[in-house]
Amino acid sequence: MIRLLPLLLGVLGVTAGIACAQSRAHMEACTQWKKESSTIGTRNDCDRPISIKFMAYDGSHRIEADVPAGGWFDTGVPDGTIEGFIFTVCPVGNEPSVRFSLENQKTISDSLYNCLPRDRPGV
């Protein structure tokens, strides 16, 4: 049994290393939210496609989309009709490391998430 301990710790270490290697930084710096044509949206100012998740503070208007470099993400939400919103921005093919929900509003608003592959095991 004791001989298995180093093997088990080695496997756990490799698994943790793989998970860390797959984590990517969010890409919120690619966006600047503004009003265009009287609705709230943002342009992808980066040179690579991004995946945006958006939701109003009241839980309405939940929208997810992949946005090409230079593309516009239009929420369809008229300016002035919601109190505020949360959003995440990840490279396409990735998603936030925390569940996108109002329960995680503070974590998301404080940008305390990374991005993980959508197709990772266990998702």
N, C-alpha and C. Protein backbone atom coordinates (compact mmCIF):
# COMPACT_ATOMS: atom_id res chain seq x y z
N MET A 1 0.83 -1.19 0.00
CA MET A 1 0.00 0.00 0.00
C MET A 1 0.87 1.26 0.00
N ILE A 2 1.91 1.28 0.83
CA ILE A 2 2.78 2.45 0.91
C ILE A 2 3.52 2.65 -0.41
N ARG A 3 3.82 1.55 -1.14
CA ARG A 3 4.49 1.66 -2.43
C ARG A 3 3.62 2.38 -3.45
N LEU A 4 2.31 2.30 -3.29
CA LEU A 4 1.39 2.94 -4.22
C LEU A 4 1.31 4.45 -4.01
N LEU A 5 1.65 4.92 -2.83
CA LEU A 5 1.54 6.34 -2.52
C LEU A 5 2.36 7.21 -3.47
N PRO A 6 3.65 6.92 -3.73
CA PRO A 6 4.38 7.76 -4.69
C PRO A 6 3.76 7.74 -6.08
N LEU A 7 3.27 6.58 -6.50
CA LEU A 7 2.64 6.47 -7.80
C LEU A 7 1.37 7.33 -7.85
N LEU A 8 0.56 7.25 -6.81
CA LEU A 8 -0.67 8.04 -6.74
C LEU A 8 -0.35 9.53 -6.74
N LEU A 9 0.62 9.95 -5.95
CA LEU A 9 0.99 11.36 -5.91
C LEU A 9 1.53 11.83 -7.26
N GLY A 10 2.26 10.96 -7.93
CA GLY A 10 2.76 11.29 -9.26
C GLY A 10 1.64 11.49 -10.25
N VAL A 11 0.64 10.62 -10.22
CA VAL A 11 -0.52 10.75 -11.12
C VAL A 11 -1.28 12.02 -10.82
N LEU A 12 -1.50 12.31 -9.55
CA LEU A 12 -2.20 13.54 -9.18
C LEU A 12 -1.43 14.77 -9.63
N GLY A 13 -0.13 14.75 -9.49
CA GLY A 13 0.70 15.87 -9.92
C GLY A 13 0.64 16.09 -11.41
N VAL A 14 0.68 15.03 -12.19
CA VAL A 14 0.57 15.14 -13.65
C VAL A 14 -0.79 15.67 -14.04
N THR A 15 -1.85 15.17 -13.42
CA THR A 15 -3.21 15.63 -13.71
C THR A 15 -3.35 17.11 -13.40
N ALA A 16 -2.84 17.55 -12.25
CA ALA A 16 -2.91 18.97 -11.89
C ALA A 16 -2.11 19.81 -12.86
N GLY A 17 -0.97 19.32 -13.30
CA GLY A 17 -0.16 20.05 -14.26
C GLY A 17 -0.86 20.21 -15.60
N ILE A 18 -1.54 19.17 -16.05
CA ILE A 18 -2.29 19.25 -17.30
C ILE A 18 -3.41 20.27 -17.18
N ALA A 19 -4.14 20.26 -16.07
CA ALA A 19 -5.24 21.21 -15.87
C ALA A 19 -4.72 22.64 -15.88
N CYS A 20 -3.59 22.89 -15.21
CA CYS A 20 -3.03 24.24 -15.18
C CYS A 20 -2.56 24.67 -16.55
N ALA A 21 -1.99 23.76 -17.31
CA ALA A 21 -1.49 24.09 -18.63
C ALA A 21 -2.62 24.47 -19.57
N GLN A 22 -3.82 23.95 -19.36
CA GLN A 22 -4.95 24.25 -20.23
C GLN A 22 -5.63 25.57 -19.88
N SER A 23 -5.37 26.12 -18.72
CA SER A 23 -5.99 27.36 -18.30
C SER A 23 -5.41 28.53 -19.09
N ARG A 24 -6.29 29.44 -19.52
CA ARG A 24 -5.86 30.62 -20.26
C ARG A 24 -6.43 31.86 -19.59
N ALA A 25 -5.77 32.97 -19.77
CA ALA A 25 -6.26 34.23 -19.22
C ALA A 25 -7.51 34.68 -19.97
N HIS A 26 -8.41 35.37 -19.25
CA HIS A 26 -9.59 35.93 -19.94
C HIS A 26 -9.13 37.03 -20.89
N MET A 27 -10.03 37.46 -21.75
CA MET A 27 -9.69 38.45 -22.77
C MET A 27 -10.58 39.68 -22.67
N GLU A 28 -10.91 40.10 -21.44
CA GLU A 28 -11.79 41.26 -21.25
C GLU A 28 -11.19 42.53 -21.85
N ALA A 29 -9.87 42.61 -21.93
CA ALA A 29 -9.23 43.81 -22.48
C ALA A 29 -9.57 44.01 -23.95
N CYS A 30 -10.10 42.99 -24.60
CA CYS A 30 -10.49 43.09 -26.02
C CYS A 30 -11.80 43.85 -26.20
N THR A 31 -12.48 44.13 -25.11
CA THR A 31 -13.82 44.72 -25.21
C THR A 31 -13.91 46.06 -24.49
N GLN A 32 -14.72 46.94 -25.05
CA GLN A 32 -15.11 48.20 -24.41
C GLN A 32 -16.59 48.36 -24.67
N TRP A 33 -17.39 48.15 -23.64
CA TRP A 33 -18.85 48.17 -23.78
C TRP A 33 -19.34 49.58 -24.04
N LYS A 34 -20.27 49.71 -24.97
CA LYS A 34 -20.84 51.01 -25.32
C LYS A 34 -22.20 50.83 -25.99
N LYS A 35 -22.81 51.94 -26.26
CA LYS A 35 -24.11 51.94 -26.94
C LYS A 35 -23.86 52.17 -28.44
N GLU A 36 -24.48 51.35 -29.26
CA GLU A 36 -24.42 51.56 -30.70
C GLU A 36 -25.81 51.23 -31.25
N SER A 37 -26.36 52.14 -32.00
CA SER A 37 -27.73 51.98 -32.52
C SER A 37 -28.71 51.76 -31.37
N SER A 38 -28.51 52.43 -30.26
CA SER A 38 -29.35 52.44 -29.06
C SER A 38 -29.38 51.12 -28.27
N THR A 39 -28.51 50.17 -28.62
CA THR A 39 -28.43 48.93 -27.83
C THR A 39 -27.01 48.78 -27.28
N ILE A 40 -26.89 48.01 -26.20
CA ILE A 40 -25.61 47.78 -25.55
C ILE A 40 -24.83 46.71 -26.31
N GLY A 41 -23.55 46.94 -26.50
CA GLY A 41 -22.71 45.96 -27.17
C GLY A 41 -21.25 46.28 -27.02
N THR A 42 -20.43 45.50 -27.70
CA THR A 42 -18.98 45.72 -27.67
C THR A 42 -18.35 45.20 -28.95
N ARG A 43 -17.24 45.80 -29.30
CA ARG A 43 -16.47 45.34 -30.45
C ARG A 43 -15.30 44.51 -29.95
N ASN A 44 -14.96 43.47 -30.70
CA ASN A 44 -13.77 42.68 -30.39
C ASN A 44 -12.58 43.42 -30.99
N ASP A 45 -11.81 44.08 -30.13
CA ASP A 45 -10.66 44.86 -30.58
C ASP A 45 -9.38 44.04 -30.70
N CYS A 46 -9.45 42.76 -30.44
CA CYS A 46 -8.27 41.90 -30.53
C CYS A 46 -8.16 41.27 -31.91
N ASP A 47 -7.02 40.67 -32.18
CA ASP A 47 -6.78 40.09 -33.50
C ASP A 47 -7.14 38.61 -33.58
N ARG A 48 -7.89 38.12 -32.59
CA ARG A 48 -8.35 36.72 -32.60
C ARG A 48 -9.79 36.65 -32.15
N PRO A 49 -10.53 35.62 -32.54
CA PRO A 49 -11.93 35.50 -32.15
C PRO A 49 -12.08 35.28 -30.64
N ILE A 50 -13.18 35.78 -30.10
CA ILE A 50 -13.48 35.63 -28.67
C ILE A 50 -14.87 35.06 -28.48
N SER A 51 -15.09 34.51 -27.30
CA SER A 51 -16.40 33.98 -26.91
C SER A 51 -16.90 34.83 -25.74
N ILE A 52 -18.07 35.44 -25.90
CA ILE A 52 -18.62 36.33 -24.87
C ILE A 52 -19.88 35.70 -24.28
N LYS A 53 -19.98 35.79 -22.96
CA LYS A 53 -21.22 35.46 -22.24
C LYS A 53 -21.68 36.74 -21.56
N PHE A 54 -22.98 37.04 -21.68
CA PHE A 54 -23.56 38.29 -21.17
C PHE A 54 -24.86 37.96 -20.45
N MET A 55 -25.11 38.63 -19.31
CA MET A 55 -26.39 38.47 -18.61
C MET A 55 -26.66 39.71 -17.77
N ALA A 56 -27.90 40.20 -17.83
CA ALA A 56 -28.32 41.32 -17.00
C ALA A 56 -28.35 40.90 -15.53
N TYR A 57 -28.17 41.86 -14.63
CA TYR A 57 -28.17 41.58 -13.19
C TYR A 57 -29.45 40.90 -12.72
N ASP A 58 -30.57 41.11 -13.42
CA ASP A 58 -31.81 40.47 -13.00
C ASP A 58 -31.97 39.06 -13.59
N GLY A 59 -30.96 38.58 -14.29
CA GLY A 59 -30.99 37.24 -14.86
C GLY A 59 -31.58 37.16 -16.26
N SER A 60 -32.07 38.28 -16.75
CA SER A 60 -32.65 38.29 -18.10
C SER A 60 -31.56 38.53 -19.14
N HIS A 61 -31.93 38.43 -20.36
CA HIS A 61 -31.03 38.74 -21.48
C HIS A 61 -29.73 37.95 -21.44
N ARG A 62 -29.84 36.66 -21.23
CA ARG A 62 -28.63 35.82 -21.24
C ARG A 62 -28.27 35.52 -22.70
N ILE A 63 -27.07 35.95 -23.09
CA ILE A 63 -26.65 35.83 -24.48
C ILE A 63 -25.22 35.29 -24.51
N GLU A 64 -24.96 34.35 -25.41
CA GLU A 64 -23.62 33.82 -25.62
C GLU A 64 -23.34 33.83 -27.11
N ALA A 65 -22.13 34.25 -27.48
CA ALA A 65 -21.78 34.27 -28.90
C ALA A 65 -20.27 34.28 -29.09
N ASP A 66 -19.84 33.70 -30.20
CA ASP A 66 -18.45 33.82 -30.64
C ASP A 66 -18.39 35.04 -31.55
N VAL A 67 -17.36 35.87 -31.35
CA VAL A 67 -17.24 37.12 -32.09
C VAL A 67 -15.89 37.15 -32.80
N PRO A 68 -15.90 37.31 -34.12
CA PRO A 68 -14.62 37.34 -34.85
C PRO A 68 -13.82 38.60 -34.52
N ALA A 69 -12.55 38.57 -34.81
CA ALA A 69 -11.71 39.76 -34.63
C ALA A 69 -12.33 40.93 -35.38
N GLY A 70 -12.50 42.05 -34.69
CA GLY A 70 -13.11 43.23 -35.30
C GLY A 70 -14.63 43.20 -35.34
N GLY A 71 -15.23 42.08 -34.95
CA GLY A 71 -16.69 41.93 -35.00
C GLY A 71 -17.39 42.63 -33.86
N TRP A 72 -18.69 42.86 -34.04
CA TRP A 72 -19.53 43.54 -33.05
C TRP A 72 -20.43 42.52 -32.36
N PHE A 73 -20.49 42.59 -31.03
CA PHE A 73 -21.38 41.76 -30.23
C PHE A 73 -22.53 42.65 -29.79
N ASP A 74 -23.71 42.42 -30.34
CA ASP A 74 -24.89 43.23 -30.03
C ASP A 74 -25.80 42.43 -29.11
N THR A 75 -26.05 42.97 -27.92
CA THR A 75 -26.91 42.27 -26.97
C THR A 75 -28.37 42.37 -27.34
N GLY A 76 -28.73 43.38 -28.12
CA GLY A 76 -30.13 43.64 -28.42
C GLY A 76 -30.85 44.31 -27.26
N VAL A 77 -30.12 44.59 -26.18
CA VAL A 77 -30.71 45.21 -24.99
C VAL A 77 -30.66 46.73 -25.15
N PRO A 78 -31.81 47.40 -25.17
CA PRO A 78 -31.81 48.86 -25.29
C PRO A 78 -31.09 49.51 -24.12
N ASP A 79 -30.30 50.52 -24.44
CA ASP A 79 -29.57 51.27 -23.42
C ASP A 79 -30.55 51.86 -22.40
N GLY A 80 -30.22 51.74 -21.12
CA GLY A 80 -31.04 52.31 -20.06
C GLY A 80 -32.16 51.42 -19.56
N THR A 81 -32.27 50.19 -20.07
CA THR A 81 -33.38 49.32 -19.66
C THR A 81 -32.98 48.29 -18.61
N ILE A 82 -31.70 48.19 -18.29
CA ILE A 82 -31.26 47.24 -17.25
C ILE A 82 -30.37 47.99 -16.26
N GLU A 83 -30.31 47.46 -15.04
CA GLU A 83 -29.51 48.07 -13.97
C GLU A 83 -28.01 47.87 -14.18
N GLY A 84 -27.64 46.80 -14.82
CA GLY A 84 -26.25 46.46 -15.06
C GLY A 84 -26.16 45.04 -15.57
N PHE A 85 -24.93 44.57 -15.78
CA PHE A 85 -24.77 43.22 -16.35
C PHE A 85 -23.43 42.64 -15.97
N ILE A 86 -23.34 41.32 -16.13
CA ILE A 86 -22.07 40.64 -15.99
C ILE A 86 -21.70 40.06 -17.35
N PHE A 87 -20.41 39.85 -17.55
CA PHE A 87 -19.96 39.25 -18.80
C PHE A 87 -18.62 38.56 -18.59
N THR A 88 -18.34 37.60 -19.44
CA THR A 88 -17.02 36.97 -19.49
C THR A 88 -16.56 36.99 -20.94
N VAL A 89 -15.25 37.00 -21.11
CA VAL A 89 -14.66 36.98 -22.45
C VAL A 89 -13.50 35.99 -22.44
N CYS A 90 -13.59 34.98 -23.29
CA CYS A 90 -12.56 33.96 -23.39
C CYS A 90 -12.19 33.75 -24.86
N PRO A 91 -11.03 33.15 -25.11
CA PRO A 91 -10.74 32.77 -26.49
C PRO A 91 -11.80 31.78 -26.98
N VAL A 92 -12.13 31.80 -28.25
CA VAL A 92 -13.11 30.85 -28.80
C VAL A 92 -12.65 29.43 -28.48
N GLY A 93 -13.59 28.59 -28.10
CA GLY A 93 -13.29 27.20 -27.71
C GLY A 93 -13.03 27.05 -26.23
N ASN A 94 -13.11 28.16 -25.49
CA ASN A 94 -12.91 28.15 -24.04
C ASN A 94 -14.12 28.75 -23.35
N GLU A 95 -14.21 28.50 -22.03
CA GLU A 95 -15.30 29.04 -21.22
C GLU A 95 -14.74 29.44 -19.87
N PRO A 96 -15.48 30.26 -19.12
CA PRO A 96 -14.98 30.70 -17.81
C PRO A 96 -14.77 29.52 -16.86
N SER A 97 -13.79 29.68 -15.98
CA SER A 97 -13.48 28.64 -15.00
C SER A 97 -14.50 28.58 -13.87
N VAL A 98 -15.36 29.58 -13.78
CA VAL A 98 -16.46 29.57 -12.81
C VAL A 98 -17.77 29.50 -13.59
N ARG A 99 -18.78 28.91 -12.98
CA ARG A 99 -20.09 28.81 -13.65
C ARG A 99 -20.64 30.21 -13.89
N PHE A 100 -21.09 30.46 -15.11
CA PHE A 100 -21.64 31.77 -15.46
C PHE A 100 -23.05 31.87 -14.89
N SER A 101 -23.13 32.49 -13.71
CA SER A 101 -24.42 32.59 -13.01
C SER A 101 -24.41 33.81 -12.12
N LEU A 102 -25.60 34.23 -11.69
CA LEU A 102 -25.70 35.37 -10.78
C LEU A 102 -25.07 35.07 -9.43
N GLU A 103 -25.02 33.78 -9.03
CA GLU A 103 -24.37 33.41 -7.78
C GLU A 103 -22.89 33.76 -7.81
N ASN A 104 -22.30 33.79 -9.00
CA ASN A 104 -20.88 34.12 -9.15
C ASN A 104 -20.68 35.55 -9.65
N GLN A 105 -21.68 36.39 -9.46
CA GLN A 105 -21.63 37.77 -9.96
C GLN A 105 -20.39 38.52 -9.48
N LYS A 106 -20.06 38.45 -8.21
CA LYS A 106 -18.91 39.19 -7.68
C LYS A 106 -17.61 38.66 -8.28
N THR A 107 -17.45 37.36 -8.32
CA THR A 107 -16.24 36.76 -8.90
C THR A 107 -16.07 37.18 -10.35
N ILE A 108 -17.16 37.12 -11.11
CA ILE A 108 -17.10 37.49 -12.53
C ILE A 108 -16.87 38.99 -12.68
N SER A 109 -17.59 39.81 -11.92
CA SER A 109 -17.43 41.26 -12.01
C SER A 109 -16.02 41.71 -11.63
N ASP A 110 -15.39 40.99 -10.70
CA ASP A 110 -14.02 41.30 -10.29
C ASP A 110 -12.98 40.67 -11.22
N SER A 111 -13.44 40.03 -12.29
CA SER A 111 -12.57 39.39 -13.28
C SER A 111 -11.69 38.30 -12.67
N LEU A 112 -12.20 37.58 -11.69
CA LEU A 112 -11.44 36.54 -11.00
C LEU A 112 -11.74 35.17 -11.60
N TYR A 113 -11.56 35.06 -12.88
CA TYR A 113 -11.75 33.78 -13.57
C TYR A 113 -10.69 33.64 -14.64
N ASN A 114 -10.43 32.42 -15.01
CA ASN A 114 -9.59 32.09 -16.17
C ASN A 114 -10.49 31.42 -17.19
N CYS A 115 -9.92 31.01 -18.28
CA CYS A 115 -10.68 30.33 -19.32
C CYS A 115 -10.14 28.92 -19.51
N LEU A 116 -11.05 27.98 -19.63
CA LEU A 116 -10.72 26.56 -19.78
C LEU A 116 -11.34 26.02 -21.04
N PRO A 117 -10.72 25.00 -21.66
CA PRO A 117 -11.30 24.42 -22.88
C PRO A 117 -12.71 23.91 -22.65
N ARG A 118 -13.61 24.18 -23.60
CA ARG A 118 -15.00 23.72 -23.50
C ARG A 118 -15.08 22.19 -23.51
N ASP A 119 -14.18 21.56 -24.24
CA ASP A 119 -14.27 20.11 -24.41
C ASP A 119 -13.41 19.32 -23.42
N ARG A 120 -13.05 19.93 -22.29
CA ARG A 120 -12.23 19.22 -21.32
C ARG A 120 -13.03 18.10 -20.67
N PRO A 121 -12.36 17.06 -20.23
CA PRO A 121 -13.06 15.95 -19.59
C PRO A 121 -13.81 16.40 -18.33
N GLY A 122 -14.95 15.81 -18.11
CA GLY A 122 -15.71 16.10 -16.89
C GLY A 122 -16.66 17.27 -17.00
N VAL A 123 -16.75 17.87 -18.17
CA VAL A 123 -17.65 19.03 -18.33
C VAL A 123 -18.97 18.58 -18.88
